[in-house]
């Protein structure tokens, strides 16, 4: 934990620097939201088909969903989502004639219903 899912229009794939975004995102989640770096997991899902506004090909989107154990204050959530929004914008190059819509959502995960296991590394 935290678990992050980022969905993005395929039209922004070349403009969106996903590795740099993930690195900065994980650092932000540790420093702002109190996450554990070793627990940060980010999944990127490229959407080949999206319909935004009137369906024009001149719209694209990048949406990040942050899932963290419940218990953070509203202020921490606002600060974190604002920082993540800024990171999305920073790590996405401008695409001429395309309006990219960025969004971030925080989801609280109930600790009573979340389970995990860390498999130890096997060394030879």
PDB file of N, CA and C in Angstrom:
ATOM      1  N   UNK A   1       0.889  -1.144   0.000  1.00  0.00           N
ATOM      2  CA  UNK A   1       0.000   0.000   0.000  1.00  0.00           C
ATOM      3  C   UNK A   1       0.935   1.204   0.000  1.00  0.00           C
ATOM      4  N   UNK A   2       0.800   2.185  -0.706  1.00  0.00           N
ATOM      5  CA  UNK A   2      -0.307   2.577  -1.553  1.00  0.00           C
ATOM      6  C   UNK A   2      -0.345   1.839  -2.895  1.00  0.00           C
ATOM      7  N   UNK A   3      -1.561   1.715  -3.419  1.00  0.00           N
ATOM      8  CA  UNK A   3      -1.783   1.174  -4.752  1.00  0.00           C
ATOM      9  C   UNK A   3      -2.255   2.323  -5.635  1.00  0.00           C
ATOM     10  N   UNK A   4      -1.630   2.465  -6.792  1.00  0.00           N
ATOM     11  CA  UNK A   4      -1.972   3.554  -7.696  1.00  0.00           C
ATOM     12  C   UNK A   4      -2.306   2.965  -9.056  1.00  0.00           C
ATOM     13  N   UNK A   5      -3.403   3.401  -9.635  1.00  0.00           N
ATOM     14  CA  UNK A   5      -3.757   3.016 -10.996  1.00  0.00           C
ATOM     15  C   UNK A   5      -3.861   4.294 -11.815  1.00  0.00           C
ATOM     16  N   UNK A   6      -3.143   4.313 -12.936  1.00  0.00           N
ATOM     17  CA  UNK A   6      -3.171   5.473 -13.826  1.00  0.00           C
ATOM     18  C   UNK A   6      -3.705   4.998 -15.169  1.00  0.00           C
ATOM     19  N   UNK A   7      -4.828   5.552 -15.585  1.00  0.00           N
ATOM     20  CA  UNK A   7      -5.389   5.245 -16.901  1.00  0.00           C
ATOM     21  C   UNK A   7      -5.173   6.470 -17.784  1.00  0.00           C
ATOM     22  N   UNK A   8      -4.814   6.210 -19.039  1.00  0.00           N
ATOM     23  CA  UNK A   8      -4.509   7.331 -19.923  1.00  0.00           C
ATOM     24  C   UNK A   8      -4.888   6.998 -21.357  1.00  0.00           C
ATOM     25  N   UNK A   9      -5.276   8.042 -22.085  1.00  0.00           N
ATOM     26  CA  UNK A   9      -5.603   7.885 -23.500  1.00  0.00           C
ATOM     27  C   UNK A   9      -4.351   7.478 -24.255  1.00  0.00           C
ATOM     28  N   UNK A  10      -4.503   6.546 -25.183  1.00  0.00           N
ATOM     29  CA  UNK A  10      -3.373   6.099 -25.979  1.00  0.00           C
ATOM     30  C   UNK A  10      -2.704   7.218 -26.747  1.00  0.00           C
ATOM     31  N   UNK A  11      -3.447   8.264 -27.047  1.00  0.00           N
ATOM     32  CA  UNK A  11      -2.895   9.382 -27.813  1.00  0.00           C
ATOM     33  C   UNK A  11      -1.854  10.172 -27.038  1.00  0.00           C
ATOM     34  N   UNK A  12      -1.769   9.991 -25.712  1.00  0.00           N
ATOM     35  CA  UNK A  12      -0.759  10.706 -24.929  1.00  0.00           C
ATOM     36  C   UNK A  12       0.430   9.829 -24.552  1.00  0.00           C
ATOM     37  N   UNK A  13       0.436   8.588 -25.017  1.00  0.00           N
ATOM     38  CA  UNK A  13       1.467   7.635 -24.596  1.00  0.00           C
ATOM     39  C   UNK A  13       2.884   8.153 -24.811  1.00  0.00           C
ATOM     40  N   UNK A  14       3.153   8.739 -25.957  1.00  0.00           N
ATOM     41  CA  UNK A  14       4.509   9.220 -26.232  1.00  0.00           C
ATOM     42  C   UNK A  14       4.848  10.488 -25.459  1.00  0.00           C
ATOM     43  N   UNK A  15       3.852  11.219 -25.022  1.00  0.00           N
ATOM     44  CA  UNK A  15       4.081  12.478 -24.312  1.00  0.00           C
ATOM     45  C   UNK A  15       4.156  12.300 -22.796  1.00  0.00           C
ATOM     46  N   UNK A  16       3.696  11.169 -22.278  1.00  0.00           N
ATOM     47  CA  UNK A  16       3.592  10.929 -20.838  1.00  0.00           C
ATOM     48  C   UNK A  16       4.793  10.090 -20.380  1.00  0.00           C
ATOM     49  N   UNK A  17       5.698  10.708 -19.610  1.00  0.00           N
ATOM     50  CA  UNK A  17       6.901  10.034 -19.112  1.00  0.00           C
ATOM     51  C   UNK A  17       6.533   9.250 -17.850  1.00  0.00           C
ATOM     52  N   UNK A  18       6.062   8.038 -18.048  1.00  0.00           N
ATOM     53  CA  UNK A  18       5.550   7.224 -16.954  1.00  0.00           C
ATOM     54  C   UNK A  18       6.609   6.844 -15.919  1.00  0.00           C
ATOM     55  N   UNK A  19       7.819   6.412 -16.310  1.00  0.00           N
ATOM     56  CA  UNK A  19       8.814   6.075 -15.272  1.00  0.00           C
ATOM     57  C   UNK A  19       9.180   7.264 -14.380  1.00  0.00           C
ATOM     58  N   UNK A  20       9.378   8.435 -14.967  1.00  0.00           N
ATOM     59  CA  UNK A  20       9.721   9.620 -14.166  1.00  0.00           C
ATOM     60  C   UNK A  20       8.550  10.014 -13.269  1.00  0.00           C
ATOM     61  N   UNK A  21       7.334   9.911 -13.804  1.00  0.00           N
ATOM     62  CA  UNK A  21       6.153  10.216 -13.005  1.00  0.00           C
ATOM     63  C   UNK A  21       6.071   9.266 -11.808  1.00  0.00           C
ATOM     64  N   UNK A  22       6.225   7.953 -12.037  1.00  0.00           N
ATOM     65  CA  UNK A  22       6.110   6.967 -10.958  1.00  0.00           C
ATOM     66  C   UNK A  22       7.156   7.214  -9.873  1.00  0.00           C
ATOM     67  N   UNK A  23       8.379   7.514 -10.271  1.00  0.00           N
ATOM     68  CA  UNK A  23       9.444   7.785  -9.290  1.00  0.00           C
ATOM     69  C   UNK A  23       9.053   8.968  -8.415  1.00  0.00           C
ATOM     70  N   UNK A  24       8.667  10.081  -9.036  1.00  0.00           N
ATOM     71  CA  UNK A  24       8.281  11.265  -8.267  1.00  0.00           C
ATOM     72  C   UNK A  24       7.007  11.029  -7.463  1.00  0.00           C
ATOM     73  N   UNK A  25       6.077  10.278  -8.027  1.00  0.00           N
ATOM     74  CA  UNK A  25       4.832   9.955  -7.327  1.00  0.00           C
ATOM     75  C   UNK A  25       5.115   9.197  -6.041  1.00  0.00           C
ATOM     76  N   UNK A  26       5.936   8.167  -6.125  1.00  0.00           N
ATOM     77  CA  UNK A  26       6.239   7.360  -4.938  1.00  0.00           C
ATOM     78  C   UNK A  26       6.914   8.209  -3.862  1.00  0.00           C
ATOM     79  N   UNK A  27       7.840   9.069  -4.268  1.00  0.00           N
ATOM     80  CA  UNK A  27       8.486   9.958  -3.296  1.00  0.00           C
ATOM     81  C   UNK A  27       7.460  10.884  -2.640  1.00  0.00           C
ATOM     82  N   UNK A  28       6.525  11.387  -3.425  1.00  0.00           N
ATOM     83  CA  UNK A  28       5.483  12.278  -2.901  1.00  0.00           C
ATOM     84  C   UNK A  28       4.578  11.541  -1.921  1.00  0.00           C
ATOM     85  N   UNK A  29       4.200  10.325  -2.257  1.00  0.00           N
ATOM     86  CA  UNK A  29       3.314   9.568  -1.368  1.00  0.00           C
ATOM     87  C   UNK A  29       3.989   9.273  -0.033  1.00  0.00           C
ATOM     88  N   UNK A  30       5.297   9.093  -0.046  1.00  0.00           N
ATOM     89  CA  UNK A  30       6.027   8.860   1.202  1.00  0.00           C
ATOM     90  C   UNK A  30       6.107  10.149   2.015  1.00  0.00           C
ATOM     91  N   UNK A  31       6.516  11.255   1.385  1.00  0.00           N
ATOM     92  CA  UNK A  31       6.750  12.489   2.133  1.00  0.00           C
ATOM     93  C   UNK A  31       5.468  13.217   2.520  1.00  0.00           C
ATOM     94  N   UNK A  32       4.455  13.203   1.665  1.00  0.00           N
ATOM     95  CA  UNK A  32       3.236  13.971   1.946  1.00  0.00           C
ATOM     96  C   UNK A  32       2.178  13.124   2.654  1.00  0.00           C
ATOM     97  N   UNK A  33       1.989  11.889   2.192  1.00  0.00           N
ATOM     98  CA  UNK A  33       0.894  11.071   2.715  1.00  0.00           C
ATOM     99  C   UNK A  33       1.341  10.016   3.721  1.00  0.00           C
ATOM    100  N   UNK A  34       2.658   9.904   3.955  1.00  0.00           N
ATOM    101  CA  UNK A  34       3.132   8.937   4.938  1.00  0.00           C
ATOM    102  C   UNK A  34       3.075   7.498   4.464  1.00  0.00           C
ATOM    103  N   UNK A  35       3.147   7.280   3.139  1.00  0.00           N
ATOM    104  CA  UNK A  35       3.167   5.919   2.614  1.00  0.00           C
ATOM    105  C   UNK A  35       4.539   5.274   2.805  1.00  0.00           C
ATOM    106  N   UNK A  36       4.616   3.990   2.556  1.00  0.00           N
ATOM    107  CA  UNK A  36       5.884   3.251   2.615  1.00  0.00           C
ATOM    108  C   UNK A  36       6.398   3.086   1.194  1.00  0.00           C
ATOM    109  N   UNK A  37       7.635   3.503   0.920  1.00  0.00           N
ATOM    110  CA  UNK A  37       8.184   3.398  -0.426  1.00  0.00           C
ATOM    111  C   UNK A  37       8.137   1.957  -0.930  1.00  0.00           C
ATOM    112  N   UNK A  38       8.504   0.996  -0.079  1.00  0.00           N
ATOM    113  CA  UNK A  38       8.506  -0.404  -0.492  1.00  0.00           C
ATOM    114  C   UNK A  38       7.108  -0.913  -0.824  1.00  0.00           C
ATOM    115  N   UNK A  39       6.096  -0.226  -0.346  1.00  0.00           N
ATOM    116  CA  UNK A  39       4.723  -0.661  -0.600  1.00  0.00           C
ATOM    117  C   UNK A  39       4.059   0.013  -1.787  1.00  0.00           C
ATOM    118  N   UNK A  40       4.707   1.036  -2.349  1.00  0.00           N
ATOM    119  CA  UNK A  40       4.108   1.767  -3.475  1.00  0.00           C
ATOM    120  C   UNK A  40       4.085   0.895  -4.729  1.00  0.00           C
ATOM    121  N   UNK A  41       2.924   0.772  -5.318  1.00  0.00           N
ATOM    122  CA  UNK A  41       2.743  -0.027  -6.537  1.00  0.00           C
ATOM    123  C   UNK A  41       1.913   0.787  -7.515  1.00  0.00           C
ATOM    124  N   UNK A  42       2.480   1.070  -8.692  1.00  0.00           N
ATOM    125  CA  UNK A  42       1.760   1.857  -9.689  1.00  0.00           C
ATOM    126  C   UNK A  42       1.547   1.022 -10.939  1.00  0.00           C
ATOM    127  N   UNK A  43       0.303   1.001 -11.390  1.00  0.00           N
ATOM    128  CA  UNK A  43      -0.072   0.302 -12.628  1.00  0.00           C
ATOM    129  C   UNK A  43      -0.509   1.349 -13.642  1.00  0.00           C
ATOM    130  N   UNK A  44      -0.034   1.200 -14.865  1.00  0.00           N
ATOM    131  CA  UNK A  44      -0.423   2.101 -15.949  1.00  0.00           C
ATOM    132  C   UNK A  44      -1.292   1.327 -16.931  1.00  0.00           C
ATOM    133  N   UNK A  45      -2.447   1.862 -17.231  1.00  0.00           N
ATOM    134  CA  UNK A  45      -3.370   1.221 -18.163  1.00  0.00           C
ATOM    135  C   UNK A  45      -3.625   2.163 -19.336  1.00  0.00           C
ATOM    136  N   UNK A  46      -3.165   1.763 -20.499  1.00  0.00           N
ATOM    137  CA  UNK A  46      -3.358   2.557 -21.711  1.00  0.00           C
ATOM    138  C   UNK A  46      -4.742   2.247 -22.280  1.00  0.00           C
ATOM    139  N   UNK A  47      -5.504   3.299 -22.529  1.00  0.00           N
ATOM    140  CA  UNK A  47      -6.842   3.151 -23.087  1.00  0.00           C
ATOM    141  C   UNK A  47      -6.789   3.439 -24.584  1.00  0.00           C
ATOM    142  N   UNK A  48      -7.111   2.452 -25.372  1.00  0.00           N
ATOM    143  CA  UNK A  48      -7.102   2.644 -26.820  1.00  0.00           C
ATOM    144  C   UNK A  48      -8.346   3.382 -27.293  1.00  0.00           C
ATOM    145  N   UNK A  49      -9.367   3.344 -26.464  1.00  0.00           N
ATOM    146  CA  UNK A  49     -10.620   3.971 -26.859  1.00  0.00           C
ATOM    147  C   UNK A  49     -11.153   4.793 -25.690  1.00  0.00           C
ATOM    148  N   UNK A  50     -11.343   6.082 -25.920  1.00  0.00           N
ATOM    149  CA  UNK A  50     -11.984   6.948 -24.927  1.00  0.00           C
ATOM    150  C   UNK A  50     -12.960   7.856 -25.669  1.00  0.00           C
ATOM    151  N   UNK A  51     -13.944   8.329 -24.952  1.00  0.00           N
ATOM    152  CA  UNK A  51     -14.906   9.272 -25.525  1.00  0.00           C
ATOM    153  C   UNK A  51     -14.984  10.425 -24.525  1.00  0.00           C
ATOM    154  N   UNK A  52     -14.455  11.561 -24.928  1.00  0.00           N
ATOM    155  CA  UNK A  52     -14.417  12.727 -24.056  1.00  0.00           C
ATOM    156  C   UNK A  52     -15.173  13.851 -24.747  1.00  0.00           C
ATOM    157  N   UNK A  53     -16.022  14.516 -23.991  1.00  0.00           N
ATOM    158  CA  UNK A  53     -16.830  15.638 -24.494  1.00  0.00           C
ATOM    159  C   UNK A  53     -17.633  15.198 -25.718  1.00  0.00           C
ATOM    160  N   UNK A  54     -17.355  15.793 -26.888  1.00  0.00           N
ATOM    161  CA  UNK A  54     -18.121  15.475 -28.098  1.00  0.00           C
ATOM    162  C   UNK A  54     -17.518  14.325 -28.902  1.00  0.00           C
ATOM    163  N   UNK A  55     -16.513  13.645 -28.337  1.00  0.00           N
ATOM    164  CA  UNK A  55     -15.888  12.524 -29.031  1.00  0.00           C
ATOM    165  C   UNK A  55     -14.771  12.926 -29.978  1.00  0.00           C
ATOM    166  N   UNK A  56     -14.444  14.194 -29.994  1.00  0.00           N
ATOM    167  CA  UNK A  56     -13.390  14.704 -30.869  1.00  0.00           C
ATOM    168  C   UNK A  56     -12.048  14.045 -30.539  1.00  0.00           C
ATOM    169  N   UNK A  57     -11.222  13.784 -31.538  1.00  0.00           N
ATOM    170  CA  UNK A  57      -9.896  13.217 -31.283  1.00  0.00           C
ATOM    171  C   UNK A  57      -8.933  14.236 -30.659  1.00  0.00           C
ATOM    172  N   UNK A  58      -9.398  15.449 -30.447  1.00  0.00           N
ATOM    173  CA  UNK A  58      -8.547  16.500 -29.895  1.00  0.00           C
ATOM    174  C   UNK A  58      -8.644  16.585 -28.377  1.00  0.00           C
ATOM    175  N   UNK A  59      -9.268  15.570 -27.763  1.00  0.00           N
ATOM    176  CA  UNK A  59      -9.328  15.464 -26.307  1.00  0.00           C
ATOM    177  C   UNK A  59      -8.610  14.189 -25.883  1.00  0.00           C
ATOM    178  N   UNK A  60      -7.947  14.262 -24.733  1.00  0.00           N
ATOM    179  CA  UNK A  60      -7.294  13.088 -24.150  1.00  0.00           C
ATOM    180  C   UNK A  60      -7.379  13.211 -22.633  1.00  0.00           C
ATOM    181  N   UNK A  61      -7.072  12.140 -21.935  1.00  0.00           N
ATOM    182  CA  UNK A  61      -7.169  12.161 -20.476  1.00  0.00           C
ATOM    183  C   UNK A  61      -6.065  11.352 -19.835  1.00  0.00           C
ATOM    184  N   UNK A  62      -5.727  11.761 -18.611  1.00  0.00           N
ATOM    185  CA  UNK A  62      -4.886  10.963 -17.723  1.00  0.00           C
ATOM    186  C   UNK A  62      -5.535  11.070 -16.343  1.00  0.00           C
ATOM    187  N   UNK A  63      -5.881   9.927 -15.775  1.00  0.00           N
ATOM    188  CA  UNK A  63      -6.545   9.891 -14.463  1.00  0.00           C
ATOM    189  C   UNK A  63      -5.774   8.967 -13.535  1.00  0.00           C
ATOM    190  N   UNK A  64      -5.433   9.472 -12.347  1.00  0.00           N
ATOM    191  CA  UNK A  64      -4.740   8.659 -11.339  1.00  0.00           C
ATOM    192  C   UNK A  64      -5.671   8.395 -10.170  1.00  0.00           C
ATOM    193  N   UNK A  65      -5.766   7.130  -9.787  1.00  0.00           N
ATOM    194  CA  UNK A  65      -6.523   6.759  -8.596  1.00  0.00           C
ATOM    195  C   UNK A  65      -5.542   6.295  -7.538  1.00  0.00           C
ATOM    196  N   UNK A  66      -5.574   6.959  -6.388  1.00  0.00           N
ATOM    197  CA  UNK A  66      -4.696   6.623  -5.267  1.00  0.00           C
ATOM    198  C   UNK A  66      -5.505   5.843  -4.244  1.00  0.00           C
ATOM    199  N   UNK A  67      -5.048   4.674  -3.882  1.00  0.00           N
ATOM    200  CA  UNK A  67      -5.737   3.870  -2.872  1.00  0.00           C
ATOM    201  C   UNK A  67      -4.779   3.679  -1.700  1.00  0.00           C
ATOM    202  N   UNK A  68      -5.135   4.264  -0.557  1.00  0.00           N
ATOM    203  CA  UNK A  68      -4.317   4.185   0.641  1.00  0.00           C
ATOM    204  C   UNK A  68      -5.189   3.774   1.815  1.00  0.00           C
ATOM    205  N   UNK A  69      -4.563   3.175   2.821  1.00  0.00           N
ATOM    206  CA  UNK A  69      -5.313   2.818   4.017  1.00  0.00           C
ATOM    207  C   UNK A  69      -5.946   4.066   4.614  1.00  0.00           C
ATOM    208  N   UNK A  70      -7.155   3.927   5.090  1.00  0.00           N
ATOM    209  CA  UNK A  70      -7.909   5.042   5.665  1.00  0.00           C
ATOM    210  C   UNK A  70      -7.194   5.596   6.889  1.00  0.00           C
ATOM    211  N   UNK A  71      -7.493   6.860   7.194  1.00  0.00           N
ATOM    212  CA  UNK A  71      -6.963   7.453   8.409  1.00  0.00           C
ATOM    213  C   UNK A  71      -6.272   8.791   8.199  1.00  0.00           C
ATOM    214  N   UNK A  72      -6.023   9.171   6.950  1.00  0.00           N
ATOM    215  CA  UNK A  72      -5.395  10.473   6.698  1.00  0.00           C
ATOM    216  C   UNK A  72      -6.441  11.578   6.774  1.00  0.00           C
ATOM    217  N   UNK A  73      -5.976  12.773   7.130  1.00  0.00           N
ATOM    218  CA  UNK A  73      -6.877  13.912   7.247  1.00  0.00           C
ATOM    219  C   UNK A  73      -7.266  14.420   5.861  1.00  0.00           C
ATOM    220  N   UNK A  74      -8.336  15.200   5.829  1.00  0.00           N
ATOM    221  CA  UNK A  74      -8.771  15.823   4.572  1.00  0.00           C
ATOM    222  C   UNK A  74      -7.673  16.723   4.020  1.00  0.00           C
ATOM    223  N   UNK A  75      -6.943  17.392   4.893  1.00  0.00           N
ATOM    224  CA  UNK A  75      -5.851  18.265   4.457  1.00  0.00           C
ATOM    225  C   UNK A  75      -4.746  17.466   3.761  1.00  0.00           C
ATOM    226  N   UNK A  76      -4.379  16.327   4.315  1.00  0.00           N
ATOM    227  CA  UNK A  76      -3.352  15.476   3.697  1.00  0.00           C
ATOM    228  C   UNK A  76      -3.841  14.974   2.339  1.00  0.00           C
ATOM    229  N   UNK A  77      -5.102  14.597   2.267  1.00  0.00           N
ATOM    230  CA  UNK A  77      -5.656  14.118   0.995  1.00  0.00           C
ATOM    231  C   UNK A  77      -5.615  15.224  -0.065  1.00  0.00           C
ATOM    232  N   UNK A  78      -6.029  16.434   0.314  1.00  0.00           N
ATOM    233  CA  UNK A  78      -6.008  17.567  -0.634  1.00  0.00           C
ATOM    234  C   UNK A  78      -4.582  17.892  -1.072  1.00  0.00           C
ATOM    235  N   UNK A  79      -3.658  17.921  -0.131  1.00  0.00           N
ATOM    236  CA  UNK A  79      -2.264  18.220  -0.467  1.00  0.00           C
ATOM    237  C   UNK A  79      -1.688  17.152  -1.395  1.00  0.00           C
ATOM    238  N   UNK A  80      -2.006  15.902  -1.116  1.00  0.00           N
ATOM    239  CA  UNK A  80      -1.487  14.803  -1.930  1.00  0.00           C
ATOM    240  C   UNK A  80      -2.073  14.822  -3.334  1.00  0.00           C
ATOM    241  N   UNK A  81      -3.397  14.960  -3.442  1.00  0.00           N
ATOM    242  CA  UNK A  81      -3.999  14.956  -4.782  1.00  0.00           C
ATOM    243  C   UNK A  81      -3.541  16.164  -5.589  1.00  0.00           C
ATOM    244  N   UNK A  82      -3.357  17.300  -4.943  1.00  0.00           N
ATOM    245  CA  UNK A  82      -2.836  18.477  -5.645  1.00  0.00           C
ATOM    246  C   UNK A  82      -1.420  18.253  -6.146  1.00  0.00           C
ATOM    247  N   UNK A  83      -0.590  17.629  -5.320  1.00  0.00           N
ATOM    248  CA  UNK A  83       0.794  17.342  -5.722  1.00  0.00           C
ATOM    249  C   UNK A  83       0.830  16.341  -6.868  1.00  0.00           C
ATOM    250  N   UNK A  84      -0.021  15.330  -6.822  1.00  0.00           N
ATOM    251  CA  UNK A  84      -0.060  14.324  -7.887  1.00  0.00           C
ATOM    252  C   UNK A  84      -0.550  14.951  -9.190  1.00  0.00           C
ATOM    253  N   UNK A  85      -1.532  15.816  -9.108  1.00  0.00           N
ATOM    254  CA  UNK A  85      -2.007  16.521 -10.299  1.00  0.00           C
ATOM    255  C   UNK A  85      -0.873  17.325 -10.931  1.00  0.00           C
ATOM    256  N   UNK A  86      -0.093  18.017 -10.106  1.00  0.00           N
ATOM    257  CA  UNK A  86       1.046  18.784 -10.622  1.00  0.00           C
ATOM    258  C   UNK A  86       2.081  17.858 -11.263  1.00  0.00           C
ATOM    259  N   UNK A  87       2.305  16.685 -10.682  1.00  0.00           N
ATOM    260  CA  UNK A  87       3.258  15.728 -11.261  1.00  0.00           C
ATOM    261  C   UNK A  87       2.776  15.210 -12.612  1.00  0.00           C
ATOM    262  N   UNK A  88       1.486  14.915 -12.718  1.00  0.00           N
ATOM    263  CA  UNK A  88       0.951  14.461 -14.005  1.00  0.00           C
ATOM    264  C   UNK A  88       1.220  15.504 -15.081  1.00  0.00           C
ATOM    265  N   UNK A  89       0.952  16.751 -14.762  1.00  0.00           N
ATOM    266  CA  UNK A  89       1.146  17.836 -15.731  1.00  0.00           C
ATOM    267  C   UNK A  89       2.628  18.011 -16.056  1.00  0.00           C
ATOM    268  N   UNK A  90       3.486  17.917 -15.035  1.00  0.00           N
ATOM    269  CA  UNK A  90       4.927  18.099 -15.243  1.00  0.00           C
ATOM    270  C   UNK A  90       5.514  17.009 -16.143  1.00  0.00           C
ATOM    271  N   UNK A  91       4.998  15.805 -16.020  1.00  0.00           N
ATOM    272  CA  UNK A  91       5.569  14.673 -16.755  1.00  0.00           C
ATOM    273  C   UNK A  91       4.830  14.359 -18.058  1.00  0.00           C
ATOM    274  N   UNK A  92       3.992  15.286 -18.506  1.00  0.00           N
ATOM    275  CA  UNK A  92       3.298  15.122 -19.786  1.00  0.00           C
ATOM    276  C   UNK A  92       3.637  16.315 -20.675  1.00  0.00           C
ATOM    277  N   UNK A  93       4.285  16.024 -21.782  1.00  0.00           N
ATOM    278  CA  UNK A  93       4.641  17.083 -22.730  1.00  0.00           C
ATOM    279  C   UNK A  93       3.389  17.613 -23.414  1.00  0.00           C
ATOM    280  N   UNK A  94       3.456  18.852 -23.821  1.00  0.00           N
ATOM    281  CA  UNK A  94       2.342  19.467 -24.549  1.00  0.00           C
ATOM    282  C   UNK A  94       2.187  18.761 -25.894  1.00  0.00           C
ATOM    283  N   UNK A  95       0.957  18.459 -26.253  1.00  0.00           N
ATOM    284  CA  UNK A  95       0.644  17.865 -27.549  1.00  0.00           C
ATOM    285  C   UNK A  95      -0.140  18.914 -28.332  1.00  0.00           C
ATOM    286  N   UNK A  96       0.432  19.413 -29.414  1.00  0.00           N
ATOM    287  CA  UNK A  96      -0.269  20.469 -30.170  1.00  0.00           C
ATOM    288  C   UNK A  96      -1.685  20.030 -30.573  1.00  0.00           C
ATOM    289  N   UNK A  97      -2.621  20.930 -30.387  1.00  0.00           N
ATOM    290  CA  UNK A  97      -4.021  20.771 -30.791  1.00  0.00           C
ATOM    291  C   UNK A  97      -4.773  19.704 -29.991  1.00  0.00           C
ATOM    292  N   UNK A  98      -4.199  19.229 -28.870  1.00  0.00           N
ATOM    293  CA  UNK A  98      -4.892  18.243 -28.030  1.00  0.00           C
ATOM    294  C   UNK A  98      -5.063  18.829 -26.633  1.00  0.00           C
ATOM    295  N   UNK A  99      -6.284  18.785 -26.122  1.00  0.00           N
ATOM    296  CA  UNK A  99      -6.556  19.191 -24.748  1.00  0.00           C
ATOM    297  C   UNK A  99      -6.504  17.944 -23.881  1.00  0.00           C
ATOM    298  N   UNK A 100      -5.523  17.893 -22.991  1.00  0.00           N
ATOM    299  CA  UNK A 100      -5.393  16.757 -22.079  1.00  0.00           C
ATOM    300  C   UNK A 100      -6.070  17.132 -20.761  1.00  0.00           C
ATOM    301  N   UNK A 101      -7.005  16.306 -20.328  1.00  0.00           N
ATOM    302  CA  UNK A 101      -7.705  16.521 -19.063  1.00  0.00           C
ATOM    303  C   UNK A 101      -7.080  15.616 -18.012  1.00  0.00           C
ATOM    304  N   UNK A 102      -6.565  16.226 -16.942  1.00  0.00           N
ATOM    305  CA  UNK A 102      -5.896  15.505 -15.863  1.00  0.00           C
ATOM    306  C   UNK A 102      -6.823  15.445 -14.652  1.00  0.00           C
ATOM    307  N   UNK A 103      -6.819  14.305 -13.958  1.00  0.00           N
ATOM    308  CA  UNK A 103      -7.606  14.203 -12.729  1.00  0.00           C
ATOM    309  C   UNK A 103      -6.958  13.206 -11.783  1.00  0.00           C
ATOM    310  N   UNK A 104      -7.255  13.391 -10.488  1.00  0.00           N
ATOM    311  CA  UNK A 104      -6.719  12.528  -9.434  1.00  0.00           C
ATOM    312  C   UNK A 104      -7.840  12.253  -8.447  1.00  0.00           C
ATOM    313  N   UNK A 105      -7.922  11.012  -8.010  1.00  0.00           N
ATOM    314  CA  UNK A 105      -8.940  10.618  -7.025  1.00  0.00           C
ATOM    315  C   UNK A 105      -8.260   9.863  -5.897  1.00  0.00           C
ATOM    316  N   UNK A 106      -8.635  10.171  -4.680  1.00  0.00           N
ATOM    317  CA  UNK A 106      -8.146   9.467  -3.489  1.00  0.00           C
ATOM    318  C   UNK A 106      -9.233   8.487  -3.064  1.00  0.00           C
ATOM    319  N   UNK A 107      -8.836   7.259  -2.783  1.00  0.00           N
ATOM    320  CA  UNK A 107      -9.784   6.256  -2.285  1.00  0.00           C
ATOM    321  C   UNK A 107      -9.228   5.688  -0.996  1.00  0.00           C
ATOM    322  N   UNK A 108     -10.017   5.762   0.084  1.00  0.00           N
ATOM    323  CA  UNK A 108      -9.629   5.154   1.358  1.00  0.00           C
ATOM    324  C   UNK A 108      -9.884   3.658   1.311  1.00  0.00           C
ATOM    325  N   UNK A 109      -8.904   2.901   1.760  1.00  0.00           N
ATOM    326  CA  UNK A 109      -9.030   1.445   1.828  1.00  0.00           C
ATOM    327  C   UNK A 109      -9.224   1.061   3.292  1.00  0.00           C
ATOM    328  N   UNK A 110     -10.238   0.277   3.545  1.00  0.00           N
ATOM    329  CA  UNK A 110     -10.533  -0.194   4.902  1.00  0.00           C
ATOM    330  C   UNK A 110      -9.473  -1.208   5.324  1.00  0.00           C
ATOM    331  N   UNK A 111      -8.733  -0.887   6.368  1.00  0.00           N
ATOM    332  CA  UNK A 111      -7.675  -1.778   6.852  1.00  0.00           C
ATOM    333  C   UNK A 111      -8.179  -3.136   7.307  1.00  0.00           C
ATOM    334  N   UNK A 112      -9.436  -3.210   7.723  1.00  0.00           N
ATOM    335  CA  UNK A 112      -9.995  -4.484   8.171  1.00  0.00           C
ATOM    336  C   UNK A 112     -10.260  -5.438   7.009  1.00  0.00           C
ATOM    337  N   UNK A 113     -10.370  -4.890   5.795  1.00  0.00           N
ATOM    338  CA  UNK A 113     -10.683  -5.753   4.651  1.00  0.00           C
ATOM    339  C   UNK A 113      -9.506  -5.895   3.684  1.00  0.00           C
ATOM    340  N   UNK A 114      -8.353  -5.366   4.058  1.00  0.00           N
ATOM    341  CA  UNK A 114      -7.171  -5.428   3.183  1.00  0.00           C
ATOM    342  C   UNK A 114      -6.181  -6.419   3.765  1.00  0.00           C
ATOM    343  N   UNK A 115      -5.666  -7.300   2.919  1.00  0.00           N
ATOM    344  CA  UNK A 115      -4.670  -8.277   3.356  1.00  0.00           C
ATOM    345  C   UNK A 115      -3.511  -8.256   2.372  1.00  0.00           C
ATOM    346  N   UNK A 116      -2.302  -8.571   2.851  1.00  0.00           N
ATOM    347  CA  UNK A 116      -1.138  -8.620   1.981  1.00  0.00           C
ATOM    348  C   UNK A 116      -0.112  -9.587   2.544  1.00  0.00           C
ATOM    349  N   UNK A 117       0.815  -9.974   1.686  1.00  0.00           N
ATOM    350  CA  UNK A 117       1.910 -10.848   2.079  1.00  0.00           C
ATOM    351  C   UNK A 117       3.119 -10.462   1.239  1.00  0.00           C
ATOM    352  N   UNK A 118       4.257 -10.324   1.854  1.00  0.00           N
ATOM    353  CA  UNK A 118       5.506 -10.061   1.135  1.00  0.00           C
ATOM    354  C   UNK A 118       6.286 -11.366   1.061  1.00  0.00           C
ATOM    355  N   UNK A 119       6.453 -11.871  -0.147  1.00  0.00           N
ATOM    356  CA  UNK A 119       7.240 -13.086  -0.348  1.00  0.00           C
ATOM    357  C   UNK A 119       8.717 -12.716  -0.212  1.00  0.00           C
ATOM    358  N   UNK A 120       9.451 -13.394   0.647  1.00  0.00           N
ATOM    359  CA  UNK A 120      10.875 -13.037   0.812  1.00  0.00           C
ATOM    360  C   UNK A 120      11.658 -13.287  -0.479  1.00  0.00           C
ATOM    361  N   UNK A 121      12.669 -12.452  -0.695  1.00  0.00           N
ATOM    362  CA  UNK A 121      13.529 -12.626  -1.859  1.00  0.00           C
ATOM    363  C   UNK A 121      14.313 -13.921  -1.717  1.00  0.00           C
ATOM    364  N   UNK A 122      14.476 -14.614  -2.838  1.00  0.00           N
ATOM    365  CA  UNK A 122      15.283 -15.833  -2.857  1.00  0.00           C
ATOM    366  C   UNK A 122      16.644 -15.444  -3.389  1.00  0.00           C
ATOM    367  N   UNK A 123      17.667 -15.696  -2.616  1.00  0.00           N
ATOM    368  CA  UNK A 123      19.034 -15.386  -3.069  1.00  0.00           C
ATOM    369  C   UNK A 123      19.802 -16.691  -3.227  1.00  0.00           C
ATOM    370  N   UNK A 124      20.692 -16.680  -4.202  1.00  0.00           N
ATOM    371  CA  UNK A 124      21.477 -17.906  -4.424  1.00  0.00           C
ATOM    372  C   UNK A 124      22.854 -17.774  -3.883  1.00  0.00           C
TER     373      UNK A 124
END
